[in-house]
Amino acid sequence: NPTGTFVIGGPDGDAGLTGRKIIVDTYGGAAPHGGGAFSGKDP
């Protein structure tokens, strides 16, 4: 918690959107990514 206090969080602190964490979802930047998100999509 380098900024100190972190009581206000989640969508009340920052807006959220599906598909904005594609590097977290995959390999953390250790491999290329094609750019397409996963969640909410059928196979």
PDB file of all heavy atoms in Angstrom:
ATOM      1  N   ASN A   1       0.831  -1.215   0.000  1.00  0.00           N
ATOM      2  CA  ASN A   1       0.000   0.000   0.000  1.00  0.00           C
ATOM      3  C   ASN A   1       0.864   1.262   0.000  1.00  0.00           C
ATOM      4  O   ASN A   1       0.809   2.078   0.926  1.00  0.00           O
ATOM      5  CB  ASN A   1      -0.953   0.006   1.194  1.00  0.00           C
ATOM      6  CG  ASN A   1      -2.129  -0.932   1.002  1.00  0.00           C
ATOM      7  OD1 ASN A   1      -2.106  -1.787   0.121  1.00  0.00           O
ATOM      8  ND2 ASN A   1      -3.159  -0.784   1.821  1.00  0.00           N
ATOM      9  N   PRO A   2       1.676   1.447  -1.045  1.00  0.00           N
ATOM     10  CA  PRO A   2       2.618   2.579  -1.055  1.00  0.00           C
ATOM     11  C   PRO A   2       1.956   3.942  -0.921  1.00  0.00           C
ATOM     12  O   PRO A   2       2.602   4.890  -0.449  1.00  0.00           O
ATOM     13  CB  PRO A   2       3.309   2.440  -2.419  1.00  0.00           C
ATOM     14  CG  PRO A   2       3.105   1.029  -2.831  1.00  0.00           C
ATOM     15  CD  PRO A   2       1.806   0.609  -2.240  1.00  0.00           C
ATOM     16  N   THR A   3       0.680   4.060  -1.310  1.00  0.00           N
ATOM     17  CA  THR A   3       0.015   5.363  -1.183  1.00  0.00           C
ATOM     18  C   THR A   3      -0.519   5.611   0.220  1.00  0.00           C
ATOM     19  O   THR A   3      -0.977   6.716   0.522  1.00  0.00           O
ATOM     20  CB  THR A   3      -1.155   5.484  -2.182  1.00  0.00           C
ATOM     21  OG1 THR A   3      -2.125   4.470  -1.902  1.00  0.00           O
ATOM     22  CG2 THR A   3      -0.669   5.331  -3.609  1.00  0.00           C
ATOM     23  N   GLY A   4      -0.494   4.591   1.071  1.00  0.00           N
ATOM     24  CA  GLY A   4      -0.991   4.751   2.433  1.00  0.00           C
ATOM     25  C   GLY A   4      -2.347   4.101   2.619  1.00  0.00           C
ATOM     26  O   GLY A   4      -2.451   2.889   2.717  1.00  0.00           O
ATOM     27  N   THR A   5      -3.405   4.882   2.635  1.00  0.00           N
ATOM     28  CA  THR A   5      -4.756   4.374   2.898  1.00  0.00           C
ATOM     29  C   THR A   5      -5.415   3.875   1.622  1.00  0.00           C
ATOM     30  O   THR A   5      -5.335   4.505   0.566  1.00  0.00           O
ATOM     31  CB  THR A   5      -5.623   5.489   3.515  1.00  0.00           C
ATOM     32  OG1 THR A   5      -4.986   5.970   4.693  1.00  0.00           O
ATOM     33  CG2 THR A   5      -7.007   4.965   3.859  1.00  0.00           C
ATOM     34  N   PHE A   6      -6.101   2.727   1.724  1.00  0.00           N
ATOM     35  CA  PHE A   6      -6.806   2.134   0.587  1.00  0.00           C
ATOM     36  C   PHE A   6      -8.107   1.521   1.117  1.00  0.00           C
ATOM     37  O   PHE A   6      -8.274   0.310   1.134  1.00  0.00           O
ATOM     38  CB  PHE A   6      -5.913   1.090  -0.092  1.00  0.00           C
ATOM     39  CG  PHE A   6      -6.462   0.474  -1.354  1.00  0.00           C
ATOM     40  CD1 PHE A   6      -7.633   0.908  -1.950  1.00  0.00           C
ATOM     41  CD2 PHE A   6      -5.767  -0.573  -1.956  1.00  0.00           C
ATOM     42  CE1 PHE A   6      -8.119   0.315  -3.107  1.00  0.00           C
ATOM     43  CE2 PHE A   6      -6.233  -1.175  -3.116  1.00  0.00           C
ATOM     44  CZ  PHE A   6      -7.405  -0.728  -3.690  1.00  0.00           C
ATOM     45  N   VAL A   7      -9.006   2.377   1.579  1.00  0.00           N
ATOM     46  CA  VAL A   7     -10.293   1.923   2.098  1.00  0.00           C
ATOM     47  C   VAL A   7     -11.351   1.945   0.993  1.00  0.00           C
ATOM     48  O   VAL A   7     -12.140   1.018   0.855  1.00  0.00           O
ATOM     49  CB  VAL A   7     -10.742   2.791   3.295  1.00  0.00           C
ATOM     50  CG1 VAL A   7     -12.160   2.407   3.734  1.00  0.00           C
ATOM     51  CG2 VAL A   7      -9.761   2.620   4.457  1.00  0.00           C
ATOM     52  N   ILE A   8     -11.369   3.017   0.202  1.00  0.00           N
ATOM     53  CA  ILE A   8     -12.305   3.118  -0.918  1.00  0.00           C
ATOM     54  C   ILE A   8     -11.716   2.344  -2.086  1.00  0.00           C
ATOM     55  O   ILE A   8     -10.643   2.683  -2.594  1.00  0.00           O
ATOM     56  CB  ILE A   8     -12.537   4.588  -1.319  1.00  0.00           C
ATOM     57  CG1 ILE A   8     -13.115   5.368  -0.156  1.00  0.00           C
ATOM     58  CG2 ILE A   8     -13.458   4.671  -2.530  1.00  0.00           C
ATOM     59  CD1 ILE A   8     -13.158   6.871  -0.400  1.00  0.00           C
ATOM     60  N   GLY A   9     -12.386   1.289  -2.499  1.00  0.00           N
ATOM     61  CA  GLY A   9     -11.853   0.451  -3.566  1.00  0.00           C
ATOM     62  C   GLY A   9     -12.945  -0.120  -4.436  1.00  0.00           C
ATOM     63  O   GLY A   9     -14.119   0.239  -4.319  1.00  0.00           O
ATOM     64  N   GLY A  10     -12.556  -1.025  -5.303  1.00  0.00           N
ATOM     65  CA  GLY A  10     -13.511  -1.647  -6.209  1.00  0.00           C
ATOM     66  C   GLY A  10     -14.116  -0.636  -7.162  1.00  0.00           C
ATOM     67  O   GLY A  10     -13.563   0.441  -7.401  1.00  0.00           O
ATOM     68  N   PRO A  11     -15.285  -0.933  -7.720  1.00  0.00           N
ATOM     69  CA  PRO A  11     -15.907  -0.024  -8.683  1.00  0.00           C
ATOM     70  C   PRO A  11     -16.284   1.339  -8.105  1.00  0.00           C
ATOM     71  O   PRO A  11     -16.533   2.276  -8.871  1.00  0.00           O
ATOM     72  CB  PRO A  11     -17.160  -0.802  -9.119  1.00  0.00           C
ATOM     73  CG  PRO A  11     -16.791  -2.240  -8.922  1.00  0.00           C
ATOM     74  CD  PRO A  11     -15.966  -2.244  -7.675  1.00  0.00           C
ATOM     75  N   ASP A  12     -16.325   1.463  -6.793  1.00  0.00           N
ATOM     76  CA  ASP A  12     -16.569   2.774  -6.189  1.00  0.00           C
ATOM     77  C   ASP A  12     -15.335   3.671  -6.286  1.00  0.00           C
ATOM     78  O   ASP A  12     -15.438   4.891  -6.271  1.00  0.00           O
ATOM     79  CB  ASP A  12     -16.983   2.603  -4.722  1.00  0.00           C
ATOM     80  CG  ASP A  12     -17.438   3.918  -4.086  1.00  0.00           C
ATOM     81  OD1 ASP A  12     -17.998   4.768  -4.809  1.00  0.00           O
ATOM     82  OD2 ASP A  12     -17.242   4.082  -2.870  1.00  0.00           O
ATOM     83  N   GLY A  13     -14.164   3.045  -6.388  1.00  0.00           N
ATOM     84  CA  GLY A  13     -12.930   3.813  -6.507  1.00  0.00           C
ATOM     85  C   GLY A  13     -12.541   4.066  -7.952  1.00  0.00           C
ATOM     86  O   GLY A  13     -12.047   5.129  -8.308  1.00  0.00           O
ATOM     87  N   ASP A  14     -12.743   3.059  -8.807  1.00  0.00           N
ATOM     88  CA  ASP A  14     -12.424   3.158 -10.233  1.00  0.00           C
ATOM     89  C   ASP A  14     -13.476   2.387 -11.015  1.00  0.00           C
ATOM     90  O   ASP A  14     -13.864   1.278 -10.617  1.00  0.00           O
ATOM     91  CB  ASP A  14     -11.048   2.557 -10.548  1.00  0.00           C
ATOM     92  CG  ASP A  14      -9.912   3.390 -10.001  1.00  0.00           C
ATOM     93  OD1 ASP A  14      -9.676   4.482 -10.545  1.00  0.00           O
ATOM     94  OD2 ASP A  14      -9.267   2.942  -9.036  1.00  0.00           O
ATOM     95  N   ALA A  15     -13.894   2.921 -12.149  1.00  0.00           N
ATOM     96  CA  ALA A  15     -14.824   2.199 -13.012  1.00  0.00           C
ATOM     97  C   ALA A  15     -14.145   0.953 -13.569  1.00  0.00           C
ATOM     98  O   ALA A  15     -12.926   0.920 -13.780  1.00  0.00           O
ATOM     99  CB  ALA A  15     -15.295   3.101 -14.149  1.00  0.00           C
ATOM    100  N   GLY A  16     -14.939  -0.079 -13.809  1.00  0.00           N
ATOM    101  CA  GLY A  16     -14.417  -1.317 -14.366  1.00  0.00           C
ATOM    102  C   GLY A  16     -15.070  -1.659 -15.686  1.00  0.00           C
ATOM    103  O   GLY A  16     -16.209  -1.278 -15.945  1.00  0.00           O
ATOM    104  N   LEU A  17     -14.342  -2.391 -16.527  1.00  0.00           N
ATOM    105  CA  LEU A  17     -14.843  -2.864 -17.813  1.00  0.00           C
ATOM    106  C   LEU A  17     -14.362  -4.290 -18.057  1.00  0.00           C
ATOM    107  O   LEU A  17     -13.238  -4.652 -17.687  1.00  0.00           O
ATOM    108  CB  LEU A  17     -14.343  -1.983 -18.959  1.00  0.00           C
ATOM    109  CG  LEU A  17     -14.903  -0.565 -19.072  1.00  0.00           C
ATOM    110  CD1 LEU A  17     -14.101   0.228 -20.107  1.00  0.00           C
ATOM    111  CD2 LEU A  17     -16.375  -0.610 -19.462  1.00  0.00           C
ATOM    112  N   THR A  18     -15.198  -5.080 -18.722  1.00  0.00           N
ATOM    113  CA  THR A  18     -14.787  -6.412 -19.138  1.00  0.00           C
ATOM    114  C   THR A  18     -13.603  -6.318 -20.099  1.00  0.00           C
ATOM    115  O   THR A  18     -13.552  -5.443 -20.964  1.00  0.00           O
ATOM    116  CB  THR A  18     -15.962  -7.117 -19.852  1.00  0.00           C
ATOM    117  OG1 THR A  18     -17.061  -7.214 -18.964  1.00  0.00           O
ATOM    118  CG2 THR A  18     -15.567  -8.515 -20.310  1.00  0.00           C
ATOM    119  N   GLY A  19     -12.653  -7.221 -19.943  1.00  0.00           N
ATOM    120  CA  GLY A  19     -11.615  -7.400 -20.949  1.00  0.00           C
ATOM    121  C   GLY A  19     -10.458  -6.439 -20.893  1.00  0.00           C
ATOM    122  O   GLY A  19      -9.698  -6.332 -21.860  1.00  0.00           O
ATOM    123  N   ARG A  20     -10.264  -5.737 -19.780  1.00  0.00           N
ATOM    124  CA  ARG A  20      -9.161  -4.773 -19.706  1.00  0.00           C
ATOM    125  C   ARG A  20      -7.913  -5.335 -19.024  1.00  0.00           C
ATOM    126  O   ARG A  20      -6.948  -4.606 -18.826  1.00  0.00           O
ATOM    127  CB  ARG A  20      -9.603  -3.503 -18.978  1.00  0.00           C
ATOM    128  CG  ARG A  20     -10.467  -2.607 -19.827  1.00  0.00           C
ATOM    129  CD  ARG A  20     -10.396  -1.171 -19.371  1.00  0.00           C
ATOM    130  NE  ARG A  20     -10.821  -0.994 -17.989  1.00  0.00           N
ATOM    131  CZ  ARG A  20     -11.132   0.191 -17.469  1.00  0.00           C
ATOM    132  NH1 ARG A  20     -11.051   1.279 -18.208  1.00  0.00           N
ATOM    133  NH2 ARG A  20     -11.520   0.287 -16.201  1.00  0.00           N
ATOM    134  N   LYS A  21      -7.916  -6.610 -18.674  1.00  0.00           N
ATOM    135  CA  LYS A  21      -6.753  -7.189 -18.002  1.00  0.00           C
ATOM    136  C   LYS A  21      -6.231  -8.396 -18.784  1.00  0.00           C
ATOM    137  O   LYS A  21      -6.011  -9.482 -18.253  1.00  0.00           O
ATOM    138  CB  LYS A  21      -7.125  -7.575 -16.563  1.00  0.00           C
ATOM    139  CG  LYS A  21      -7.319  -6.367 -15.659  1.00  0.00           C
ATOM    140  CD  LYS A  21      -6.020  -5.619 -15.445  1.00  0.00           C
ATOM    141  CE  LYS A  21      -6.183  -4.338 -14.631  1.00  0.00           C
ATOM    142  NZ  LYS A  21      -6.747  -3.238 -15.446  1.00  0.00           N
ATOM    143  N   ILE A  22      -6.004  -8.180 -20.086  1.00  0.00           N
ATOM    144  CA  ILE A  22      -5.644  -9.304 -20.949  1.00  0.00           C
ATOM    145  C   ILE A  22      -4.229  -9.825 -20.679  1.00  0.00           C
ATOM    146  O   ILE A  22      -3.966 -11.012 -20.903  1.00  0.00           O
ATOM    147  CB  ILE A  22      -5.809  -8.941 -22.436  1.00  0.00           C
ATOM    148  CG1 ILE A  22      -4.961  -7.733 -22.829  1.00  0.00           C
ATOM    149  CG2 ILE A  22      -7.288  -8.682 -22.756  1.00  0.00           C
ATOM    150  CD1 ILE A  22      -5.012  -7.390 -24.307  1.00  0.00           C
ATOM    151  N   ILE A  23      -3.332  -8.989 -20.194  1.00  0.00           N
ATOM    152  CA  ILE A  23      -1.982  -9.470 -19.882  1.00  0.00           C
ATOM    153  C   ILE A  23      -1.993 -10.217 -18.548  1.00  0.00           C
ATOM    154  O   ILE A  23      -1.342 -11.262 -18.395  1.00  0.00           O
ATOM    155  CB  ILE A  23      -0.980  -8.308 -19.867  1.00  0.00           C
ATOM    156  CG1 ILE A  23      -0.966  -7.609 -21.230  1.00  0.00           C
ATOM    157  CG2 ILE A  23       0.413  -8.795 -19.504  1.00  0.00           C
ATOM    158  CD1 ILE A  23      -0.635  -8.519 -22.403  1.00  0.00           C
ATOM    159  N   VAL A  24      -2.756  -9.720 -17.595  1.00  0.00           N
ATOM    160  CA  VAL A  24      -2.958 -10.447 -16.338  1.00  0.00           C
ATOM    161  C   VAL A  24      -3.592 -11.808 -16.614  1.00  0.00           C
ATOM    162  O   VAL A  24      -3.226 -12.813 -15.995  1.00  0.00           O
ATOM    163  CB  VAL A  24      -3.854  -9.628 -15.383  1.00  0.00           C
ATOM    164  CG1 VAL A  24      -4.292 -10.463 -14.186  1.00  0.00           C
ATOM    165  CG2 VAL A  24      -3.122  -8.373 -14.919  1.00  0.00           C
ATOM    166  N   ASP A  25      -4.524 -11.866 -17.547  1.00  0.00           N
ATOM    167  CA  ASP A  25      -5.232 -13.108 -17.853  1.00  0.00           C
ATOM    168  C   ASP A  25      -4.340 -14.162 -18.488  1.00  0.00           C
ATOM    169  O   ASP A  25      -4.679 -15.348 -18.469  1.00  0.00           O
ATOM    170  CB  ASP A  25      -6.395 -12.833 -18.808  1.00  0.00           C
ATOM    171  CG  ASP A  25      -7.584 -12.180 -18.135  1.00  0.00           C
ATOM    172  OD1 ASP A  25      -7.676 -12.239 -16.894  1.00  0.00           O
ATOM    173  OD2 ASP A  25      -8.436 -11.617 -18.856  1.00  0.00           O
ATOM    174  N   THR A  26      -3.211 -13.744 -19.077  1.00  0.00           N
ATOM    175  CA  THR A  26      -2.414 -14.676 -19.870  1.00  0.00           C
ATOM    176  C   THR A  26      -1.044 -14.937 -19.243  1.00  0.00           C
ATOM    177  O   THR A  26      -0.949 -15.717 -18.303  1.00  0.00           O
ATOM    178  CB  THR A  26      -2.319 -14.177 -21.321  1.00  0.00           C
ATOM    179  OG1 THR A  26      -1.861 -12.804 -21.333  1.00  0.00           O
ATOM    180  CG2 THR A  26      -3.686 -14.234 -22.003  1.00  0.00           C
ATOM    181  N   TYR A  27       0.005 -14.261 -19.717  1.00  0.00           N
ATOM    182  CA  TYR A  27       1.362 -14.631 -19.333  1.00  0.00           C
ATOM    183  C   TYR A  27       2.140 -13.497 -18.672  1.00  0.00           C
ATOM    184  O   TYR A  27       3.357 -13.562 -18.557  1.00  0.00           O
ATOM    185  CB  TYR A  27       2.119 -15.150 -20.568  1.00  0.00           C
ATOM    186  CG  TYR A  27       1.345 -16.242 -21.274  1.00  0.00           C
ATOM    187  CD1 TYR A  27       0.635 -15.966 -22.453  1.00  0.00           C
ATOM    188  CD2 TYR A  27       1.282 -17.529 -20.758  1.00  0.00           C
ATOM    189  CE1 TYR A  27      -0.099 -16.955 -23.086  1.00  0.00           C
ATOM    190  CE2 TYR A  27       0.548 -18.520 -21.383  1.00  0.00           C
ATOM    191  CZ  TYR A  27      -0.148 -18.225 -22.552  1.00  0.00           C
ATOM    192  OH  TYR A  27      -0.877 -19.202 -23.174  1.00  0.00           O
ATOM    193  N   GLY A  28       1.449 -12.461 -18.261  1.00  0.00           N
ATOM    194  CA  GLY A  28       2.103 -11.378 -17.542  1.00  0.00           C
ATOM    195  C   GLY A  28       3.121 -10.608 -18.357  1.00  0.00           C
ATOM    196  O   GLY A  28       4.032 -10.002 -17.798  1.00  0.00           O
ATOM    197  N   GLY A  29       2.963 -10.630 -19.684  1.00  0.00           N
ATOM    198  CA  GLY A  29       3.894  -9.916 -20.541  1.00  0.00           C
ATOM    199  C   GLY A  29       5.086 -10.735 -20.992  1.00  0.00           C
ATOM    200  O   GLY A  29       5.903 -10.260 -21.771  1.00  0.00           O
ATOM    201  N   ALA A  30       5.182 -11.977 -20.541  1.00  0.00           N
ATOM    202  CA  ALA A  30       6.310 -12.833 -20.915  1.00  0.00           C
ATOM    203  C   ALA A  30       6.159 -13.414 -22.312  1.00  0.00           C
ATOM    204  O   ALA A  30       7.103 -14.009 -22.841  1.00  0.00           O
ATOM    205  CB  ALA A  30       6.470 -13.963 -19.895  1.00  0.00           C
ATOM    206  N   ALA A  31       4.992 -13.264 -22.918  1.00  0.00           N
ATOM    207  CA  ALA A  31       4.729 -13.785 -24.257  1.00  0.00           C
ATOM    208  C   ALA A  31       3.868 -12.772 -25.000  1.00  0.00           C
ATOM    209  O   ALA A  31       3.216 -11.926 -24.386  1.00  0.00           O
ATOM    210  CB  ALA A  31       4.018 -15.134 -24.176  1.00  0.00           C
ATOM    211  N   PRO A  32       3.843 -12.847 -26.331  1.00  0.00           N
ATOM    212  CA  PRO A  32       2.990 -11.926 -27.088  1.00  0.00           C
ATOM    213  C   PRO A  32       1.513 -12.149 -26.792  1.00  0.00           C
ATOM    214  O   PRO A  32       1.102 -13.205 -26.287  1.00  0.00           O
ATOM    215  CB  PRO A  32       3.300 -12.274 -28.555  1.00  0.00           C
ATOM    216  CG  PRO A  32       4.577 -13.051 -28.524  1.00  0.00           C
ATOM    217  CD  PRO A  32       4.608 -13.744 -27.203  1.00  0.00           C
ATOM    218  N   HIS A  33       0.701 -11.156 -27.127  1.00  0.00           N
ATOM    219  CA  HIS A  33      -0.749 -11.245 -26.979  1.00  0.00           C
ATOM    220  C   HIS A  33      -1.399 -10.692 -28.236  1.00  0.00           C
ATOM    221  O   HIS A  33      -0.992  -9.651 -28.740  1.00  0.00           O
ATOM    222  CB  HIS A  33      -1.223 -10.451 -25.758  1.00  0.00           C
ATOM    223  CG  HIS A  33      -2.614 -10.789 -25.313  1.00  0.00           C
ATOM    224  ND1 HIS A  33      -3.736 -10.548 -26.087  1.00  0.00           N
ATOM    225  CD2 HIS A  33      -3.073 -11.361 -24.171  1.00  0.00           C
ATOM    226  CE1 HIS A  33      -4.807 -10.953 -25.451  1.00  0.00           C
ATOM    227  NE2 HIS A  33      -4.434 -11.452 -24.282  1.00  0.00           N
ATOM    228  N   GLY A  34      -2.406 -11.381 -28.725  1.00  0.00           N
ATOM    229  CA  GLY A  34      -3.074 -10.957 -29.945  1.00  0.00           C
ATOM    230  C   GLY A  34      -4.020  -9.795 -29.771  1.00  0.00           C
ATOM    231  O   GLY A  34      -4.475  -9.213 -30.756  1.00  0.00           O
ATOM    232  N   GLY A  35      -4.364  -9.456 -28.527  1.00  0.00           N
ATOM    233  CA  GLY A  35      -5.194  -8.295 -28.260  1.00  0.00           C
ATOM    234  C   GLY A  35      -6.629  -8.587 -27.916  1.00  0.00           C
ATOM    235  O   GLY A  35      -7.337  -7.709 -27.420  1.00  0.00           O
ATOM    236  N   GLY A  36      -7.097  -9.800 -28.160  1.00  0.00           N
ATOM    237  CA  GLY A  36      -8.491 -10.127 -27.877  1.00  0.00           C
ATOM    238  C   GLY A  36      -8.690 -10.575 -26.445  1.00  0.00           C
ATOM    239  O   GLY A  36      -7.901 -11.353 -25.900  1.00  0.00           O
ATOM    240  N   ALA A  37      -9.764 -10.073 -25.823  1.00  0.00           N
ATOM    241  CA  ALA A  37     -10.096 -10.473 -24.452  1.00  0.00           C
ATOM    242  C   ALA A  37     -10.905 -11.762 -24.466  1.00  0.00           C
ATOM    243  O   ALA A  37     -11.368 -12.230 -25.509  1.00  0.00           O
ATOM    244  CB  ALA A  37     -10.874  -9.358 -23.767  1.00  0.00           C
ATOM    245  N   PHE A  38     -11.092 -12.348 -23.273  1.00  0.00           N
ATOM    246  CA  PHE A  38     -11.741 -13.647 -23.147  1.00  0.00           C
ATOM    247  C   PHE A  38     -13.150 -13.573 -22.557  1.00  0.00           C
ATOM    248  O   PHE A  38     -14.087 -14.182 -23.086  1.00  0.00           O
ATOM    249  CB  PHE A  38     -10.901 -14.571 -22.248  1.00  0.00           C
ATOM    250  CG  PHE A  38      -9.508 -14.831 -22.719  1.00  0.00           C
ATOM    251  CD1 PHE A  38      -8.524 -15.188 -21.807  1.00  0.00           C
ATOM    252  CD2 PHE A  38      -9.149 -14.729 -24.058  1.00  0.00           C
ATOM    253  CE1 PHE A  38      -7.222 -15.442 -22.220  1.00  0.00           C
ATOM    254  CE2 PHE A  38      -7.856 -14.977 -24.486  1.00  0.00           C
ATOM    255  CZ  PHE A  38      -6.883 -15.337 -23.554  1.00  0.00           C
ATOM    256  N   SER A  39     -13.312 -12.889 -21.464  1.00  0.00           N
ATOM    257  CA  SER A  39     -14.513 -13.032 -20.648  1.00  0.00           C
ATOM    258  C   SER A  39     -15.772 -12.552 -21.370  1.00  0.00           C
ATOM    259  O   SER A  39     -15.748 -11.577 -22.130  1.00  0.00           O
ATOM    260  CB  SER A  39     -14.362 -12.288 -19.324  1.00  0.00           C
ATOM    261  OG  SER A  39     -13.414 -12.936 -18.497  1.00  0.00           O
ATOM    262  N   GLY A  40     -16.857 -13.270 -21.118  1.00  0.00           N
ATOM    263  CA  GLY A  40     -18.141 -12.944 -21.715  1.00  0.00           C
ATOM    264  C   GLY A  40     -18.340 -13.487 -23.107  1.00  0.00           C
ATOM    265  O   GLY A  40     -19.399 -13.279 -23.709  1.00  0.00           O
ATOM    266  N   LYS A  41     -17.340 -14.200 -23.652  1.00  0.00           N
ATOM    267  CA  LYS A  41     -17.410 -14.701 -25.026  1.00  0.00           C
ATOM    268  C   LYS A  41     -17.573 -16.209 -25.040  1.00  0.00           C
ATOM    269  O   LYS A  41     -16.818 -16.934 -24.381  1.00  0.00           O
ATOM    270  CB  LYS A  41     -16.143 -14.322 -25.788  1.00  0.00           C
ATOM    271  CG  LYS A  41     -15.926 -12.825 -25.935  1.00  0.00           C
ATOM    272  CD  LYS A  41     -14.614 -12.530 -26.645  1.00  0.00           C
ATOM    273  CE  LYS A  41     -14.387 -11.031 -26.785  1.00  0.00           C
ATOM    274  NZ  LYS A  41     -13.093 -10.716 -27.413  1.00  0.00           N
ATOM    275  N   ASP A  42     -18.550 -16.682 -25.831  1.00  0.00           N
ATOM    276  CA  ASP A  42     -18.716 -18.129 -25.977  1.00  0.00           C
ATOM    277  C   ASP A  42     -17.569 -18.688 -26.820  1.00  0.00           C
ATOM    278  O   ASP A  42     -16.852 -17.941 -27.495  1.00  0.00           O
ATOM    279  CB  ASP A  42     -20.078 -18.443 -26.606  1.00  0.00           C
ATOM    280  CG  ASP A  42     -20.112 -18.161 -28.099  1.00  0.00           C
ATOM    281  OD1 ASP A  42     -19.541 -18.963 -28.871  1.00  0.00           O
ATOM    282  OD2 ASP A  42     -20.703 -17.133 -28.501  1.00  0.00           O
ATOM    283  N   PRO A  43     -17.361 -20.032 -26.803  1.00  0.00           N
ATOM    284  CA  PRO A  43     -16.166 -20.595 -27.434  1.00  0.00           C
ATOM    285  C   PRO A  43     -16.168 -20.619 -28.960  1.00  0.00           C
ATOM    286  O   PRO A  43     -15.174 -21.096 -29.539  1.00  0.00           O
ATOM    287  CB  PRO A  43     -16.092 -22.011 -26.849  1.00  0.00           C
ATOM    288  CG  PRO A  43     -17.473 -22.323 -26.407  1.00  0.00           C
ATOM    289  CD  PRO A  43     -18.067 -21.018 -25.968  1.00  0.00           C
TER     290      PRO A  43
END
